[in-house]
Amino acid sequence: MSRSDEFVTVDGIEIHYSAWGNSADPPVLCVHGLSRNGRDFDPLARDLQDDYHVICPDIPGRGWSEWADEPAERYTNAALVETLVGFCDALELESLRYVGTSMGGGLGMALAGGPLADRIERLVVNDVPPNPEADAEPEAMGRIVEYVPNPPTVGTLSELEDYFRDLYEGRFSEMTDDEYRRLTMTSARRTGDGDFAPAYDPEILVSGEDDGPDPWDVWAAIDVPILLFRGVDSDILPADAYERMLDVQPDAETVEIDCGHAPALNTPEQIEPIREFFA
């Protein structure tokens, strides 16, 4: 089996997703981080595809999915939760396992503690607290605010690879040269001038929310098995927030990886716990 590229329109926005495995098998929904895309889950999906139908969408404004005409409305967490509910409805996913890295983990909490509480059977949260704006280290949020709205434009893919290495080495768990090359090839877009830039809308970072429930109350409301990943040097999920998460959800299983933010879910030591958790 191999990956296929699929498209579905949800609330007027076309969403691209990678699909792995047999559609008759139990679905696994994998949702990426803020400025990343669904191809980040290739190693995990390739490993799981013999037993599961693995679905890895590009969230709107990322990868090959459509950019929003109204970023301030369509890129909020609340809007993305609604988009994912619509995505699951469109694909008729009535029960699923969920893996979310960083932003995707936060969306998974919101879904499992809210509108998809009756559909998500198992939840993997990769290196994110319930409320990153308050729980993460201030330096981490400052870094995100600095780089996300200002993606570089470069003339060659080699230059773009250098940029991604500078951005992620020492934060992501260890990746090989081949993996960084794949990350670059799956994270690049041509600009109107023929140059290369990271494949996301520079306006994805929005603020000014939120009238929703307290994220920690949502975390407490989750009533399904949880597997929580943490990079031991993560500044997005620092130790105090991690311990608080476990105090609130004491039955959660944990995996700690020697890295920053975030484990790449690309090695046997990271993939096997997910496989065992889903079994």
C-alpha atoms as a PDB file:
ATOM      1  CA  MET A   1       0.000   0.000   0.000  1.00  0.00           C
ATOM      2  CA  SER A   2       1.051   3.612  -0.462  1.00  0.00           C
ATOM      3  CA  ARG A   3      -0.047   7.174   0.067  1.00  0.00           C
ATOM      4  CA  SER A   4      -2.770   8.793  -2.025  1.00  0.00           C
ATOM      5  CA  ASP A   5      -3.619  12.485  -2.337  1.00  0.00           C
ATOM      6  CA  GLU A   6      -7.259  13.325  -1.720  1.00  0.00           C
ATOM      7  CA  PHE A   7      -9.331  16.508  -1.551  1.00  0.00           C
ATOM      8  CA  VAL A   8     -12.578  17.451   0.162  1.00  0.00           C
ATOM      9  CA  THR A   9     -14.322  20.814   0.541  1.00  0.00           C
ATOM     10  CA  VAL A  10     -15.389  21.805   4.054  1.00  0.00           C
ATOM     11  CA  ASP A  11     -17.361  25.010   4.592  1.00  0.00           C
ATOM     12  CA  GLY A  12     -16.114  26.455   1.318  1.00  0.00           C
ATOM     13  CA  ILE A  13     -12.418  25.616   1.753  1.00  0.00           C
ATOM     14  CA  GLU A  14     -10.752  22.788  -0.149  1.00  0.00           C
ATOM     15  CA  ILE A  15      -8.688  20.566   2.134  1.00  0.00           C
ATOM     16  CA  HIS A  16      -5.948  18.283   0.889  1.00  0.00           C
ATOM     17  CA  TYR A  17      -5.171  15.136   2.835  1.00  0.00           C
ATOM     18  CA  SER A  18      -2.861  12.171   2.515  1.00  0.00           C
ATOM     19  CA  ALA A  19      -4.583   8.818   2.886  1.00  0.00           C
ATOM     20  CA  TRP A  20      -2.723   5.649   3.760  1.00  0.00           C
ATOM     21  CA  GLY A  21      -3.909   2.057   4.004  1.00  0.00           C
ATOM     22  CA  ASN A  22      -7.313   0.514   3.428  1.00  0.00           C
ATOM     23  CA  SER A  23     -10.370   2.727   3.898  1.00  0.00           C
ATOM     24  CA  ALA A  24     -12.175  -0.266   5.424  1.00  0.00           C
ATOM     25  CA  ASP A  25      -9.737  -0.330   8.361  1.00  0.00           C
ATOM     26  CA  PRO A  26     -10.167   1.732  11.555  1.00  0.00           C
ATOM     27  CA  PRO A  27      -9.324   5.391  10.870  1.00  0.00           C
ATOM     28  CA  VAL A  28      -6.481   7.332  12.454  1.00  0.00           C
ATOM     29  CA  LEU A  29      -6.628  11.117  12.069  1.00  0.00           C
ATOM     30  CA  CYS A  30      -3.241  12.880  12.311  1.00  0.00           C
ATOM     31  CA  VAL A  31      -3.172  16.678  12.673  1.00  0.00           C
ATOM     32  CA  HIS A  32       0.037  18.689  12.372  1.00  0.00           C
ATOM     33  CA  GLY A  33       1.531  21.747  14.057  1.00  0.00           C
ATOM     34  CA  LEU A  34       0.924  25.438  13.411  1.00  0.00           C
ATOM     35  CA  SER A  35       3.065  26.025  10.296  1.00  0.00           C
ATOM     36  CA  ARG A  36       3.558  22.401   9.284  1.00  0.00           C
ATOM     37  CA  ASN A  37       1.481  20.043   7.108  1.00  0.00           C
ATOM     38  CA  GLY A  38       0.131  16.521   6.994  1.00  0.00           C
ATOM     39  CA  ARG A  39       3.197  15.057   5.314  1.00  0.00           C
ATOM     40  CA  ASP A  40       4.994  15.315   8.665  1.00  0.00           C
ATOM     41  CA  PHE A  41       3.221  12.086   9.578  1.00  0.00           C
ATOM     42  CA  ASP A  42       4.607  10.046   6.664  1.00  0.00           C
ATOM     43  CA  PRO A  43       6.826   7.852   8.894  1.00  0.00           C
ATOM     44  CA  LEU A  44       4.018   7.122  11.358  1.00  0.00           C
ATOM     45  CA  ALA A  45       1.425   6.581   8.637  1.00  0.00           C
ATOM     46  CA  ARG A  46       3.697   4.265   6.680  1.00  0.00           C
ATOM     47  CA  ASP A  47       4.124   2.112   9.789  1.00  0.00           C
ATOM     48  CA  LEU A  48       0.425   2.037  10.711  1.00  0.00           C
ATOM     49  CA  GLN A  49      -1.085   1.600   7.248  1.00  0.00           C
ATOM     50  CA  ASP A  50      -1.243  -2.204   7.342  1.00  0.00           C
ATOM     51  CA  ASP A  51      -3.741  -2.034  10.206  1.00  0.00           C
ATOM     52  CA  TYR A  52      -5.331   1.401   9.951  1.00  0.00           C
ATOM     53  CA  HIS A  53      -6.658   3.909   7.460  1.00  0.00           C
ATOM     54  CA  VAL A  54      -4.382   6.837   8.286  1.00  0.00           C
ATOM     55  CA  ILE A  55      -5.663  10.284   7.271  1.00  0.00           C
ATOM     56  CA  CYS A  56      -3.337  13.290   7.424  1.00  0.00           C
ATOM     57  CA  PRO A  57      -4.985  16.565   6.410  1.00  0.00           C
ATOM     58  CA  ASP A  58      -3.302  19.848   5.639  1.00  0.00           C
ATOM     59  CA  ILE A  59      -5.116  22.317   7.859  1.00  0.00           C
ATOM     60  CA  PRO A  60      -6.462  25.310   5.831  1.00  0.00           C
ATOM     61  CA  GLY A  61      -3.690  27.720   4.977  1.00  0.00           C
ATOM     62  CA  ARG A  62      -1.045  24.991   5.051  1.00  0.00           C
ATOM     63  CA  GLY A  63       0.403  22.524   2.577  1.00  0.00           C
ATOM     64  CA  TRP A  64      -1.853  21.995  -0.430  1.00  0.00           C
ATOM     65  CA  SER A  65      -5.046  23.101   1.300  1.00  0.00           C
ATOM     66  CA  GLU A  66      -6.736  26.323   0.282  1.00  0.00           C
ATOM     67  CA  TRP A  67      -5.857  29.611   1.937  1.00  0.00           C
ATOM     68  CA  ALA A  68      -8.689  31.463   3.662  1.00  0.00           C
ATOM     69  CA  ASP A  69     -10.022  34.756   2.312  1.00  0.00           C
ATOM     70  CA  GLU A  70     -10.711  35.847   5.895  1.00  0.00           C
ATOM     71  CA  PRO A  71      -7.716  34.639   7.941  1.00  0.00           C
ATOM     72  CA  ALA A  72      -8.774  36.328  11.177  1.00  0.00           C
ATOM     73  CA  GLU A  73     -11.996  34.317  11.144  1.00  0.00           C
ATOM     74  CA  ARG A  74     -11.015  31.021   9.542  1.00  0.00           C
ATOM     75  CA  TYR A  75      -7.655  30.358  11.231  1.00  0.00           C
ATOM     76  CA  THR A  76      -8.743  30.696  14.860  1.00  0.00           C
ATOM     77  CA  ASN A  77      -8.665  27.586  17.020  1.00  0.00           C
ATOM     78  CA  ALA A  78     -12.450  27.652  17.300  1.00  0.00           C
ATOM     79  CA  ALA A  79     -12.823  27.816  13.525  1.00  0.00           C
ATOM     80  CA  LEU A  80     -10.315  25.016  12.996  1.00  0.00           C
ATOM     81  CA  VAL A  81     -12.186  22.823  15.470  1.00  0.00           C
ATOM     82  CA  GLU A  82     -15.326  23.377  13.387  1.00  0.00           C
ATOM     83  CA  THR A  83     -13.362  22.618  10.221  1.00  0.00           C
ATOM     84  CA  LEU A  84     -12.147  19.314  11.632  1.00  0.00           C
ATOM     85  CA  VAL A  85     -15.656  18.360  12.714  1.00  0.00           C
ATOM     86  CA  GLY A  86     -16.815  19.091   9.160  1.00  0.00           C
ATOM     87  CA  PHE A  87     -13.867  17.133   7.773  1.00  0.00           C
ATOM     88  CA  CYS A  88     -14.771  14.094   9.873  1.00  0.00           C
ATOM     89  CA  ASP A  89     -18.402  14.434   8.825  1.00  0.00           C
ATOM     90  CA  ALA A  90     -17.436  14.650   5.145  1.00  0.00           C
ATOM     91  CA  LEU A  91     -15.314  11.492   5.418  1.00  0.00           C
ATOM     92  CA  GLU A  92     -18.008   9.784   7.538  1.00  0.00           C
ATOM     93  CA  LEU A  93     -15.581   9.118  10.393  1.00  0.00           C
ATOM     94  CA  GLU A  94     -17.921   7.925  13.132  1.00  0.00           C
ATOM     95  CA  SER A  95     -15.143   6.603  15.379  1.00  0.00           C
ATOM     96  CA  LEU A  96     -11.436   7.328  15.168  1.00  0.00           C
ATOM     97  CA  ARG A  97      -8.079   7.386  16.845  1.00  0.00           C
ATOM     98  CA  TYR A  98      -6.399  10.787  16.904  1.00  0.00           C
ATOM     99  CA  VAL A  99      -2.776  11.969  16.833  1.00  0.00           C
ATOM    100  CA  GLY A 100      -1.993  15.662  17.160  1.00  0.00           C
ATOM    101  CA  THR A 101       1.357  17.441  17.232  1.00  0.00           C
ATOM    102  CA  SER A 102       1.557  20.877  18.861  1.00  0.00           C
ATOM    103  CA  MET A 103      -1.394  22.851  17.415  1.00  0.00           C
ATOM    104  CA  GLY A 104      -2.876  19.554  16.257  1.00  0.00           C
ATOM    105  CA  GLY A 105      -2.670  18.254  19.818  1.00  0.00           C
ATOM    106  CA  GLY A 106      -4.501  21.311  21.109  1.00  0.00           C
ATOM    107  CA  LEU A 107      -7.218  20.808  18.502  1.00  0.00           C
ATOM    108  CA  GLY A 108      -7.404  17.161  19.534  1.00  0.00           C
ATOM    109  CA  MET A 109      -8.022  18.143  23.153  1.00  0.00           C
ATOM    110  CA  ALA A 110     -10.770  20.540  22.090  1.00  0.00           C
ATOM    111  CA  LEU A 111     -12.388  17.857  19.938  1.00  0.00           C
ATOM    112  CA  ALA A 112     -12.068  14.991  22.436  1.00  0.00           C
ATOM    113  CA  GLY A 113     -13.368  17.202  25.251  1.00  0.00           C
ATOM    114  CA  GLY A 114     -16.076  18.717  23.064  1.00  0.00           C
ATOM    115  CA  PRO A 115     -17.804  18.059  19.741  1.00  0.00           C
ATOM    116  CA  LEU A 116     -16.095  14.744  18.925  1.00  0.00           C
ATOM    117  CA  ALA A 117     -16.174  13.350  22.462  1.00  0.00           C
ATOM    118  CA  ASP A 118     -18.353  10.484  21.258  1.00  0.00           C
ATOM    119  CA  ARG A 119     -16.144   9.698  18.240  1.00  0.00           C
ATOM    120  CA  ILE A 120     -12.509   9.915  19.366  1.00  0.00           C
ATOM    121  CA  GLU A 121     -11.644   6.596  20.981  1.00  0.00           C
ATOM    122  CA  ARG A 122      -7.985   7.245  21.792  1.00  0.00           C
ATOM    123  CA  LEU A 123      -6.061  10.501  21.877  1.00  0.00           C
ATOM    124  CA  VAL A 124      -2.330  11.083  21.314  1.00  0.00           C
ATOM    125  CA  VAL A 125      -1.175  14.592  22.307  1.00  0.00           C
ATOM    126  CA  ASN A 126       2.326  15.456  21.148  1.00  0.00           C
ATOM    127  CA  ASP A 127       4.122  18.138  23.162  1.00  0.00           C
ATOM    128  CA  VAL A 128       1.539  20.818  23.830  1.00  0.00           C
ATOM    129  CA  PRO A 129      -0.267  22.036  26.963  1.00  0.00           C
ATOM    130  CA  PRO A 130      -3.950  22.956  27.067  1.00  0.00           C
ATOM    131  CA  ASN A 131      -3.268  26.711  26.860  1.00  0.00           C
ATOM    132  CA  PRO A 132       0.087  27.363  25.129  1.00  0.00           C
ATOM    133  CA  GLU A 133      -0.236  31.152  25.272  1.00  0.00           C
ATOM    134  CA  ALA A 134      -0.255  30.956  29.077  1.00  0.00           C
ATOM    135  CA  ASP A 135       1.521  27.645  29.719  1.00  0.00           C
ATOM    136  CA  ALA A 136       4.504  27.769  27.351  1.00  0.00           C
ATOM    137  CA  GLU A 137       7.740  29.590  28.090  1.00  0.00           C
ATOM    138  CA  PRO A 138       7.473  33.244  27.022  1.00  0.00           C
ATOM    139  CA  GLU A 139      10.575  32.844  24.852  1.00  0.00           C
ATOM    140  CA  ALA A 140       8.879  30.064  22.928  1.00  0.00           C
ATOM    141  CA  MET A 141       5.827  32.136  22.112  1.00  0.00           C
ATOM    142  CA  GLY A 142       8.075  35.040  21.165  1.00  0.00           C
ATOM    143  CA  ARG A 143       9.940  32.816  18.719  1.00  0.00           C
ATOM    144  CA  ILE A 144       6.697  31.710  17.083  1.00  0.00           C
ATOM    145  CA  VAL A 145       5.392  35.269  16.793  1.00  0.00           C
ATOM    146  CA  GLU A 146       8.671  36.255  15.152  1.00  0.00           C
ATOM    147  CA  TYR A 147       9.124  33.522  12.549  1.00  0.00           C
ATOM    148  CA  VAL A 148       5.633  32.357  11.561  1.00  0.00           C
ATOM    149  CA  PRO A 149       4.413  35.643   9.996  1.00  0.00           C
ATOM    150  CA  ASN A 150       7.765  36.198   8.282  1.00  0.00           C
ATOM    151  CA  PRO A 151       8.605  33.116   6.203  1.00  0.00           C
ATOM    152  CA  PRO A 152      11.663  33.519   3.999  1.00  0.00           C
ATOM    153  CA  THR A 153      11.652  33.648   0.231  1.00  0.00           C
ATOM    154  CA  VAL A 154      14.723  31.968  -1.260  1.00  0.00           C
ATOM    155  CA  GLY A 155      15.947  31.088  -4.711  1.00  0.00           C
ATOM    156  CA  THR A 156      16.689  27.388  -4.242  1.00  0.00           C
ATOM    157  CA  LEU A 157      15.409  24.388  -2.352  1.00  0.00           C
ATOM    158  CA  SER A 158      18.868  23.956  -0.837  1.00  0.00           C
ATOM    159  CA  GLU A 159      18.510  27.365   0.789  1.00  0.00           C
ATOM    160  CA  LEU A 160      15.071  26.428   2.057  1.00  0.00           C
ATOM    161  CA  GLU A 161      16.485  23.224   3.543  1.00  0.00           C
ATOM    162  CA  ASP A 162      19.121  25.287   5.354  1.00  0.00           C
ATOM    163  CA  TYR A 163      16.342  27.466   6.760  1.00  0.00           C
ATOM    164  CA  PHE A 164      14.360  24.482   8.042  1.00  0.00           C
ATOM    165  CA  ARG A 165      17.481  22.981   9.615  1.00  0.00           C
ATOM    166  CA  ASP A 166      18.255  26.239  11.403  1.00  0.00           C
ATOM    167  CA  LEU A 167      14.658  26.426  12.602  1.00  0.00           C
ATOM    168  CA  TYR A 168      14.148  22.831  13.733  1.00  0.00           C
ATOM    169  CA  GLU A 169      17.500  21.227  14.577  1.00  0.00           C
ATOM    170  CA  GLY A 170      17.858  21.059  18.336  1.00  0.00           C
ATOM    171  CA  ARG A 171      14.094  21.329  18.735  1.00  0.00           C
ATOM    172  CA  PHE A 172      12.663  18.427  16.744  1.00  0.00           C
ATOM    173  CA  SER A 173      13.846  14.987  17.752  1.00  0.00           C
ATOM    174  CA  GLU A 174      16.749  13.727  15.677  1.00  0.00           C
ATOM    175  CA  MET A 175      16.188  13.540  11.936  1.00  0.00           C
ATOM    176  CA  THR A 176      18.485  12.198   9.238  1.00  0.00           C
ATOM    177  CA  ASP A 177      19.712  14.140   6.223  1.00  0.00           C
ATOM    178  CA  ASP A 178      17.203  12.241   4.084  1.00  0.00           C
ATOM    179  CA  GLU A 179      14.405  13.187   6.463  1.00  0.00           C
ATOM    180  CA  TYR A 180      15.333  16.874   6.313  1.00  0.00           C
ATOM    181  CA  ARG A 181      15.389  16.661   2.534  1.00  0.00           C
ATOM    182  CA  ARG A 182      11.923  15.056   2.560  1.00  0.00           C
ATOM    183  CA  LEU A 183      10.648  17.695   5.012  1.00  0.00           C
ATOM    184  CA  THR A 184      11.884  20.411   2.658  1.00  0.00           C
ATOM    185  CA  MET A 185      10.363  18.858  -0.448  1.00  0.00           C
ATOM    186  CA  THR A 186       6.993  18.427   1.273  1.00  0.00           C
ATOM    187  CA  SER A 187       7.057  21.888   2.860  1.00  0.00           C
ATOM    188  CA  ALA A 188       7.913  24.108  -0.119  1.00  0.00           C
ATOM    189  CA  ARG A 189       5.798  26.251  -2.407  1.00  0.00           C
ATOM    190  CA  ARG A 190       6.678  28.354  -5.437  1.00  0.00           C
ATOM    191  CA  THR A 191       6.037  32.072  -5.143  1.00  0.00           C
ATOM    192  CA  GLY A 192       4.788  34.260  -7.970  1.00  0.00           C
ATOM    193  CA  ASP A 193       8.382  35.192  -8.742  1.00  0.00           C
ATOM    194  CA  GLY A 194       9.479  31.573  -9.044  1.00  0.00           C
ATOM    195  CA  ASP A 195      11.269  31.508  -5.709  1.00  0.00           C
ATOM    196  CA  PHE A 196      10.594  29.108  -2.838  1.00  0.00           C
ATOM    197  CA  ALA A 197       8.887  29.726   0.501  1.00  0.00           C
ATOM    198  CA  PRO A 198       7.492  27.500   3.268  1.00  0.00           C
ATOM    199  CA  ALA A 199       4.099  26.118   2.268  1.00  0.00           C
ATOM    200  CA  TYR A 200       1.802  28.089   4.513  1.00  0.00           C
ATOM    201  CA  ASP A 201      -0.137  31.337   4.558  1.00  0.00           C
ATOM    202  CA  PRO A 202       1.865  33.931   6.534  1.00  0.00           C
ATOM    203  CA  GLU A 203      -1.432  35.047   8.107  1.00  0.00           C
ATOM    204  CA  ILE A 204      -2.130  31.744   9.904  1.00  0.00           C
ATOM    205  CA  LEU A 205      -1.091  33.188  13.266  1.00  0.00           C
ATOM    206  CA  VAL A 206      -4.192  34.890  14.607  1.00  0.00           C
ATOM    207  CA  SER A 207      -5.057  36.143  18.072  1.00  0.00           C
ATOM    208  CA  GLY A 208      -7.856  37.919  19.827  1.00  0.00           C
ATOM    209  CA  GLU A 209      -9.836  34.842  20.819  1.00  0.00           C
ATOM    210  CA  ASP A 210     -11.384  33.271  22.829  1.00  0.00           C
ATOM    211  CA  ASP A 211     -14.866  33.138  24.280  1.00  0.00           C
ATOM    212  CA  GLY A 212     -14.789  29.362  24.637  1.00  0.00           C
ATOM    213  CA  PRO A 213     -14.342  27.225  27.740  1.00  0.00           C
ATOM    214  CA  ASP A 214     -11.154  27.255  29.778  1.00  0.00           C
ATOM    215  CA  PRO A 215      -8.706  24.903  27.964  1.00  0.00           C
ATOM    216  CA  TRP A 216      -7.804  23.247  31.266  1.00  0.00           C
ATOM    217  CA  ASP A 217     -11.478  22.472  31.878  1.00  0.00           C
ATOM    218  CA  VAL A 218     -11.581  20.894  28.430  1.00  0.00           C
ATOM    219  CA  TRP A 219      -8.502  18.824  29.243  1.00  0.00           C
ATOM    220  CA  ALA A 220     -10.164  17.665  32.450  1.00  0.00           C
ATOM    221  CA  ALA A 221     -13.344  16.732  30.571  1.00  0.00           C
ATOM    222  CA  ILE A 222     -11.625  14.275  28.225  1.00  0.00           C
ATOM    223  CA  ASP A 223     -12.855  10.780  29.022  1.00  0.00           C
ATOM    224  CA  VAL A 224     -10.866   8.565  26.659  1.00  0.00           C
ATOM    225  CA  PRO A 225      -7.427   6.954  26.979  1.00  0.00           C
ATOM    226  CA  ILE A 226      -4.652   9.515  26.463  1.00  0.00           C
ATOM    227  CA  LEU A 227      -1.028   9.116  25.393  1.00  0.00           C
ATOM    228  CA  LEU A 228       1.015  12.251  26.090  1.00  0.00           C
ATOM    229  CA  PHE A 229       4.371  12.860  24.388  1.00  0.00           C
ATOM    230  CA  ARG A 230       6.846  15.432  25.658  1.00  0.00           C
ATOM    231  CA  GLY A 231      10.265  16.598  24.550  1.00  0.00           C
ATOM    232  CA  VAL A 232      12.264  16.783  27.771  1.00  0.00           C
ATOM    233  CA  ASP A 233      13.693  20.160  26.731  1.00  0.00           C
ATOM    234  CA  SER A 234      10.444  21.484  25.282  1.00  0.00           C
ATOM    235  CA  ASP A 235       9.714  25.155  25.886  1.00  0.00           C
ATOM    236  CA  ILE A 236       6.175  24.759  24.557  1.00  0.00           C
ATOM    237  CA  LEU A 237       5.344  22.074  27.148  1.00  0.00           C
ATOM    238  CA  PRO A 238       7.563  22.970  30.121  1.00  0.00           C
ATOM    239  CA  ALA A 239       7.827  20.681  33.126  1.00  0.00           C
ATOM    240  CA  ASP A 240       5.320  22.518  35.327  1.00  0.00           C
ATOM    241  CA  ALA A 241       2.573  22.413  32.681  1.00  0.00           C
ATOM    242  CA  TYR A 242       3.381  18.762  31.952  1.00  0.00           C
ATOM    243  CA  GLU A 243       3.054  17.825  35.621  1.00  0.00           C
ATOM    244  CA  ARG A 244      -0.199  19.737  35.885  1.00  0.00           C
ATOM    245  CA  MET A 245      -1.566  17.862  32.864  1.00  0.00           C
ATOM    246  CA  LEU A 246      -0.792  14.576  34.606  1.00  0.00           C
ATOM    247  CA  ASP A 247      -2.331  15.767  37.854  1.00  0.00           C
ATOM    248  CA  VAL A 248      -5.554  16.515  35.981  1.00  0.00           C
ATOM    249  CA  GLN A 249      -5.429  13.316  33.890  1.00  0.00           C
ATOM    250  CA  PRO A 250      -3.538  10.858  36.141  1.00  0.00           C
ATOM    251  CA  ASP A 251      -4.343   7.844  33.955  1.00  0.00           C
ATOM    252  CA  ALA A 252      -2.658   9.322  30.889  1.00  0.00           C
ATOM    253  CA  GLU A 253       0.232   7.286  29.528  1.00  0.00           C
ATOM    254  CA  THR A 254       3.434   9.202  28.815  1.00  0.00           C
ATOM    255  CA  VAL A 255       6.460   9.092  26.523  1.00  0.00           C
ATOM    256  CA  GLU A 256       9.387  11.469  27.042  1.00  0.00           C
ATOM    257  CA  ILE A 257      11.868  11.989  24.200  1.00  0.00           C
ATOM    258  CA  ASP A 258      15.293  13.616  24.438  1.00  0.00           C
ATOM    259  CA  CYS A 259      14.533  16.680  22.319  1.00  0.00           C
ATOM    260  CA  GLY A 260      12.875  20.077  22.417  1.00  0.00           C
ATOM    261  CA  HIS A 261       9.632  20.912  20.678  1.00  0.00           C
ATOM    262  CA  ALA A 262       8.580  18.537  19.316  1.00  0.00           C
ATOM    263  CA  PRO A 263       9.100  14.783  18.918  1.00  0.00           C
ATOM    264  CA  ALA A 264       8.927  14.088  15.179  1.00  0.00           C
ATOM    265  CA  LEU A 265       7.165  10.707  15.576  1.00  0.00           C
ATOM    266  CA  ASN A 266       9.658   9.272  13.098  1.00  0.00           C
ATOM    267  CA  THR A 267      11.575   6.561  14.965  1.00  0.00           C
ATOM    268  CA  PRO A 268      10.660   3.163  16.428  1.00  0.00           C
ATOM    269  CA  GLU A 269      10.963   4.500  19.993  1.00  0.00           C
ATOM    270  CA  GLN A 270       8.268   7.062  19.165  1.00  0.00           C
ATOM    271  CA  ILE A 271       6.088   5.047  16.784  1.00  0.00           C
ATOM    272  CA  GLU A 272       5.893   1.795  18.751  1.00  0.00           C
ATOM    273  CA  PRO A 273       4.200   3.356  21.811  1.00  0.00           C
ATOM    274  CA  ILE A 274       1.513   4.754  19.512  1.00  0.00           C
ATOM    275  CA  ARG A 275       1.021   1.368  17.870  1.00  0.00           C
ATOM    276  CA  GLU A 276       0.721  -0.324  21.267  1.00  0.00           C
ATOM    277  CA  PHE A 277      -1.614   2.394  22.537  1.00  0.00           C
ATOM    278  CA  PHE A 278      -3.922   1.975  19.551  1.00  0.00           C
ATOM    279  CA  ALA A 279      -4.005  -1.835  19.666  1.00  0.00           C
END
